[in-house]
Amino acid sequence: MKIAIQGIGMVGGFGSIADTDQLSSFLSKKELRRIDHFSKMALLASFLSIEDSKNISKKRIGLIVATGYGPTQTTFSFLDSFIDSSDINSSPTLFSNSIHNSAAAHIAISLKINGPTLTVSQQDFSVPSALITACQWINDDLVDSVLFGGVDEYGQIIEYCQKRFFEEGICGYSKVGEGACFFVLTKDICSQSPYAYITDVAFGHFKDKNVVCIKNGYYDWLYGKFPTSQAFDMAIAALIIRYNKLQNICCIKTCNSRISSIIIKGDS
């Protein structure tokens, strides 16, 4: 397997709440009015990754969104409106944005993506699970390219749960963050990736002395802890390779004794 990374788009909180004001450069205020913060992060990262890629056609492009928790703040807000006003007067806008697939729907509509669309939610392993599917779509020629990414948002309840259950646990506790990181992926076409290549995605240990490892938690001080932060590790690895610092990098995610590995390599 050799899947080329053609474009990267990142939106991060980096110690605070992620700023999505730049999204007004791509969508009107009317279009943004009913979109929640969770979907705005995913939308902005998607637009930036498409903008970063060169001459990518959207005729045969698929979309896969990975999220560990989904739009938690919107979900809790909808539940509050339901508790306060029962089902008769609860907010339909909050309800439509509270489902895990809402970000993918907003992206597909805004970017006019007509190919297959999927949302994958598998907690801390949402990114590798979704990435396996993205690579399979490309290898099976179901699509020419895939807009793939991970997104999760900050919330006080999420931070409380992380601190309450993981402070002494295997995963460890660090400050909860939020963000979205998206990639445009294609087949290896004449070695024309501006960044690097995904060569393997697996659950389990990866042993290779020639591969440098980026382990989850290493960059938590930068973007915070959230389930799909492994997508940011992928972006960091691709950027390191692009500027010829290293050639082979393994992004490792560990939680509850489970391990996932994503191998990213340069041209050599």
Protein backbone atom coordinates (compact mmCIF):
# COMPACT_ATOMS: atom_id res chain seq x y z
CA MET A 1 0.00 0.00 0.00
CA LYS A 2 1.26 3.46 -0.89
CA ILE A 3 -1.28 6.26 -0.47
CA ALA A 4 -0.12 9.80 -1.27
CA ILE A 5 -0.90 12.76 1.00
CA GLN A 6 -1.71 15.61 -1.40
CA GLY A 7 -3.03 18.25 1.00
CA ILE A 8 -3.30 19.00 4.72
CA GLY A 9 -5.64 21.31 6.62
CA MET A 10 -5.44 21.87 10.38
CA VAL A 11 -7.60 23.76 12.85
CA GLY A 12 -6.43 23.52 16.45
CA GLY A 13 -7.23 24.95 19.84
CA PHE A 14 -3.53 24.79 20.82
CA GLY A 15 -4.28 25.44 24.47
CA SER A 16 -7.66 27.13 24.03
CA ILE A 17 -10.86 26.94 21.96
CA ALA A 18 -10.23 26.58 18.23
CA ASP A 19 -10.84 29.71 16.17
CA THR A 20 -13.00 29.11 13.09
CA ASP A 21 -13.40 32.75 11.96
CA GLN A 22 -11.43 31.97 8.79
CA LEU A 23 -14.38 29.90 7.61
CA SER A 24 -16.09 33.15 6.56
CA SER A 25 -13.61 33.24 3.65
CA PHE A 26 -15.25 30.10 2.25
CA LEU A 27 -18.91 30.34 3.30
CA SER A 28 -21.42 33.16 3.75
CA LYS A 29 -22.86 34.20 7.11
CA LYS A 30 -26.20 32.78 6.01
CA GLU A 31 -24.63 29.37 5.36
CA LEU A 32 -22.79 29.44 8.68
CA ARG A 33 -25.74 30.53 10.79
CA ARG A 34 -27.03 27.06 11.64
CA ILE A 35 -23.68 25.23 11.78
CA ASP A 36 -22.28 24.40 15.21
CA HIS A 37 -18.67 24.70 16.38
CA PHE A 38 -17.91 20.99 15.91
CA SER A 39 -18.88 21.04 12.24
CA LYS A 40 -17.22 24.43 11.68
CA MET A 41 -13.85 23.00 12.74
CA ALA A 42 -14.26 20.06 10.37
CA LEU A 43 -15.44 22.33 7.56
CA LEU A 44 -12.52 24.75 7.89
CA ALA A 45 -9.94 21.95 7.99
CA SER A 46 -11.60 20.39 4.93
CA PHE A 47 -11.52 23.62 2.94
CA LEU A 48 -7.88 24.20 3.90
CA SER A 49 -6.83 20.69 2.87
CA ILE A 50 -8.59 21.00 -0.50
CA GLU A 51 -7.00 24.43 -0.98
CA ASP A 52 -3.58 23.00 -0.08
CA SER A 53 -3.85 20.17 -2.62
CA LYS A 54 -3.18 20.98 -6.26
CA ASN A 55 -5.56 20.20 -9.13
CA ILE A 56 -7.59 17.63 -7.20
CA SER A 57 -10.83 16.85 -8.98
CA LYS A 58 -13.94 16.44 -6.82
CA LYS A 59 -15.74 14.31 -9.42
CA ARG A 60 -14.69 10.98 -7.84
CA ILE A 61 -13.80 12.00 -4.30
CA GLY A 62 -14.99 10.24 -1.16
CA LEU A 63 -15.33 11.68 2.34
CA ILE A 64 -14.53 9.96 5.63
CA VAL A 65 -14.75 11.74 8.99
CA ALA A 66 -13.33 10.21 12.18
CA THR A 67 -14.56 11.39 15.57
CA GLY A 68 -14.22 9.93 19.02
CA TYR A 69 -17.03 11.76 20.79
CA GLY A 70 -18.95 13.54 18.05
CA PRO A 71 -20.59 16.96 18.58
CA THR A 72 -20.76 16.67 22.36
CA GLN A 73 -21.58 20.30 23.17
CA THR A 74 -24.47 20.34 20.68
CA THR A 75 -25.71 16.99 21.95
CA PHE A 76 -25.76 18.21 25.55
CA SER A 77 -27.44 21.47 24.49
CA PHE A 78 -30.14 19.50 22.67
CA LEU A 79 -30.67 17.32 25.76
CA ASP A 80 -31.00 20.50 27.86
CA SER A 81 -33.65 21.85 25.48
CA PHE A 82 -35.47 18.51 25.63
CA ILE A 83 -35.39 18.45 29.45
CA ASP A 84 -36.56 22.08 29.66
CA SER A 85 -39.25 21.96 26.96
CA SER A 86 -39.97 18.26 26.31
CA ASP A 87 -40.02 16.85 22.79
CA ILE A 88 -42.66 19.34 21.62
CA ASN A 89 -40.47 22.44 21.95
CA SER A 90 -36.94 21.02 21.89
CA SER A 91 -34.66 22.54 19.26
CA PRO A 92 -34.74 20.86 15.82
CA THR A 93 -31.57 22.70 14.81
CA LEU A 94 -29.67 21.35 17.81
CA PHE A 95 -31.05 17.88 17.10
CA SER A 96 -29.92 17.86 13.44
CA ASN A 97 -26.42 18.98 14.46
CA SER A 98 -26.17 16.55 17.39
CA ILE A 99 -25.76 13.36 15.33
CA HIS A 100 -22.23 12.07 14.70
CA ASN A 101 -22.67 12.32 10.93
CA SER A 102 -23.53 16.04 10.99
CA ALA A 103 -20.00 17.26 10.19
CA ALA A 104 -19.74 14.92 7.18
CA ALA A 105 -23.12 16.17 5.93
CA HIS A 106 -22.06 19.83 6.19
CA ILE A 107 -18.75 19.10 4.42
CA ALA A 108 -20.41 17.14 1.60
CA ILE A 109 -22.98 19.89 1.01
CA SER A 110 -20.53 22.80 1.22
CA LEU A 111 -17.84 21.18 -0.95
CA LYS A 112 -20.37 19.54 -3.29
CA ILE A 113 -18.97 16.06 -2.71
CA ASN A 114 -21.17 13.47 -4.42
CA GLY A 115 -19.04 10.40 -3.68
CA PRO A 116 -19.43 7.96 -0.78
CA THR A 117 -19.53 9.57 2.66
CA LEU A 118 -18.85 7.90 5.98
CA THR A 119 -18.38 8.81 9.65
CA VAL A 120 -16.36 6.47 11.87
CA SER A 121 -16.56 6.68 15.66
CA GLN A 122 -14.38 4.25 17.59
CA GLN A 123 -13.13 6.36 20.50
CA ASP A 124 -9.34 6.66 20.52
CA PHE A 125 -8.98 4.42 17.47
CA SER A 126 -11.36 6.33 15.21
CA VAL A 127 -8.52 7.72 13.05
CA PRO A 128 -6.79 4.42 12.15
CA SER A 129 -10.13 2.66 11.64
CA ALA A 130 -11.34 5.39 9.28
CA LEU A 131 -7.96 5.55 7.54
CA ILE A 132 -8.04 1.81 6.76
CA THR A 133 -11.37 2.36 4.99
CA ALA A 134 -10.06 5.41 3.11
CA CYS A 135 -7.07 3.46 1.82
CA GLN A 136 -9.32 0.55 0.83
CA TRP A 137 -11.61 2.83 -1.16
CA ILE A 138 -8.62 4.15 -3.11
CA ASN A 139 -6.99 0.76 -3.64
CA ASP A 140 -10.30 -0.74 -4.85
CA ASP A 141 -10.74 2.17 -7.29
CA LEU A 142 -14.05 3.09 -5.69
CA VAL A 143 -12.84 6.72 -5.77
CA ASP A 144 -9.86 8.62 -7.16
CA SER A 145 -9.24 10.47 -3.90
CA VAL A 146 -10.53 10.70 -0.33
CA LEU A 147 -11.00 13.74 1.88
CA PHE A 148 -10.17 12.17 5.23
CA GLY A 149 -9.84 13.69 8.68
CA GLY A 150 -10.48 13.61 12.39
CA VAL A 151 -12.38 16.09 14.57
CA ASP A 152 -13.30 16.36 18.25
CA GLU A 153 -14.33 19.29 20.39
CA TYR A 154 -13.68 20.45 23.93
CA GLY A 155 -16.38 20.37 26.59
CA GLN A 156 -16.43 20.73 30.35
CA ILE A 157 -18.17 17.37 30.75
CA ILE A 158 -15.54 15.68 28.57
CA GLU A 159 -12.75 17.29 30.60
CA TYR A 160 -14.40 16.18 33.85
CA CYS A 161 -14.72 12.60 32.58
CA GLN A 162 -11.12 12.52 31.33
CA LYS A 163 -9.81 13.74 34.66
CA ARG A 164 -12.15 11.52 36.68
CA PHE A 165 -11.52 8.26 34.86
CA PHE A 166 -8.06 8.57 33.30
CA GLU A 167 -5.99 10.51 35.82
CA GLU A 168 -4.65 7.27 37.28
CA GLY A 169 -5.42 5.09 34.25
CA ILE A 170 -3.29 3.59 31.51
CA CYS A 171 -4.03 6.38 29.05
CA GLY A 172 -2.96 9.05 31.51
CA TYR A 173 -4.57 12.46 31.94
CA SER A 174 -3.54 15.70 30.30
CA LYS A 175 -5.41 18.87 29.38
CA VAL A 176 -8.32 18.20 27.05
CA GLY A 177 -8.06 19.93 23.68
CA GLU A 178 -10.01 20.15 20.45
CA GLY A 179 -9.39 20.49 16.76
CA ALA A 180 -9.76 19.09 13.27
CA CYS A 181 -7.11 17.80 10.89
CA PHE A 182 -7.96 16.73 7.33
CA PHE A 183 -6.02 15.24 4.43
CA VAL A 184 -6.54 14.78 0.71
CA LEU A 185 -5.40 11.25 -0.14
CA THR A 186 -4.82 9.70 -3.57
CA LYS A 187 -3.03 6.76 -5.16
CA ASP A 188 0.72 7.04 -5.64
CA ILE A 189 0.85 8.68 -9.07
CA CYS A 190 4.42 8.94 -10.36
CA SER A 191 5.74 9.83 -6.91
CA GLN A 192 4.03 13.21 -6.90
CA SER A 193 3.11 13.63 -3.25
CA PRO A 194 4.14 17.04 -1.88
CA TYR A 195 4.30 15.56 1.61
CA ALA A 196 4.70 11.82 2.13
CA TYR A 197 3.00 8.44 1.78
CA ILE A 198 0.94 6.25 4.05
CA THR A 199 2.36 2.76 3.66
CA ASP A 200 0.70 0.83 6.47
CA VAL A 201 -2.12 1.10 8.99
CA ALA A 202 -2.35 -1.65 11.59
CA PHE A 203 -3.57 -2.49 15.06
CA GLY A 204 -0.73 -3.87 17.13
CA HIS A 205 3.00 -3.36 17.60
CA PHE A 206 5.19 -2.23 14.74
CA LYS A 207 8.87 -3.16 14.97
CA ASP A 208 11.37 -1.50 12.68
CA LYS A 209 14.62 0.02 13.93
CA ASN A 210 14.71 2.40 10.96
CA VAL A 211 11.39 4.02 11.80
CA VAL A 212 11.10 6.92 14.26
CA CYS A 213 8.01 6.77 16.47
CA ILE A 214 5.65 9.57 17.46
CA LYS A 215 3.66 8.28 20.43
CA ASN A 216 0.34 9.64 21.60
CA GLY A 217 0.81 12.09 24.42
CA TYR A 218 4.11 13.40 23.06
CA TYR A 219 2.46 16.51 21.58
CA ASP A 220 -0.43 16.79 24.06
CA TRP A 221 1.17 19.94 25.45
CA LEU A 222 0.67 21.49 22.00
CA TYR A 223 -2.85 20.55 20.91
CA GLY A 224 -4.33 18.88 24.00
CA LYS A 225 -5.77 15.43 24.54
CA PHE A 226 -8.70 14.22 22.43
CA PRO A 227 -9.52 10.93 20.68
CA THR A 228 -8.66 11.95 17.11
CA SER A 229 -5.42 13.78 17.93
CA GLN A 230 -3.55 11.03 16.04
CA ALA A 231 -4.54 12.91 12.87
CA PHE A 232 -2.38 15.80 14.08
CA ASP A 233 0.49 13.35 14.65
CA MET A 234 0.08 12.27 11.02
CA ALA A 235 0.28 15.88 9.86
CA ILE A 236 3.37 16.54 11.97
CA ALA A 237 5.03 13.41 10.55
CA ALA A 238 4.21 14.43 6.97
CA LEU A 239 5.61 17.93 7.52
CA ILE A 240 8.80 16.57 9.10
CA ILE A 241 9.32 14.30 6.09
CA ARG A 242 8.51 17.09 3.62
CA TYR A 243 11.31 19.21 4.99
CA ASN A 244 13.74 16.26 4.89
CA LYS A 245 14.26 15.89 8.60
CA LEU A 246 13.41 12.18 8.64
CA GLN A 247 12.28 9.56 6.13
CA ASN A 248 10.19 7.01 8.04
CA ILE A 249 7.83 7.84 10.91
CA CYS A 250 5.37 5.66 12.81
CA CYS A 251 2.44 7.41 14.56
CA ILE A 252 1.48 5.22 17.52
CA LYS A 253 -1.71 5.42 19.55
CA THR A 254 -2.05 3.44 22.78
CA CYS A 255 -5.00 3.19 25.13
CA ASN A 256 -6.26 0.44 27.44
CA SER A 257 -3.48 -1.92 26.29
CA ARG A 258 -4.48 -1.53 22.62
CA ILE A 259 -2.12 -0.12 20.01
CA SER A 260 -2.54 1.29 16.51
CA SER A 261 0.29 2.18 14.14
CA ILE A 262 0.27 4.41 11.06
CA ILE A 263 3.45 4.30 8.96
CA ILE A 264 4.32 7.42 6.94
CA LYS A 265 7.33 7.44 4.62
CA GLY A 266 9.08 9.69 2.14
CA ASP A 267 10.10 8.92 -1.46
CA SER A 268 13.16 6.87 -0.72
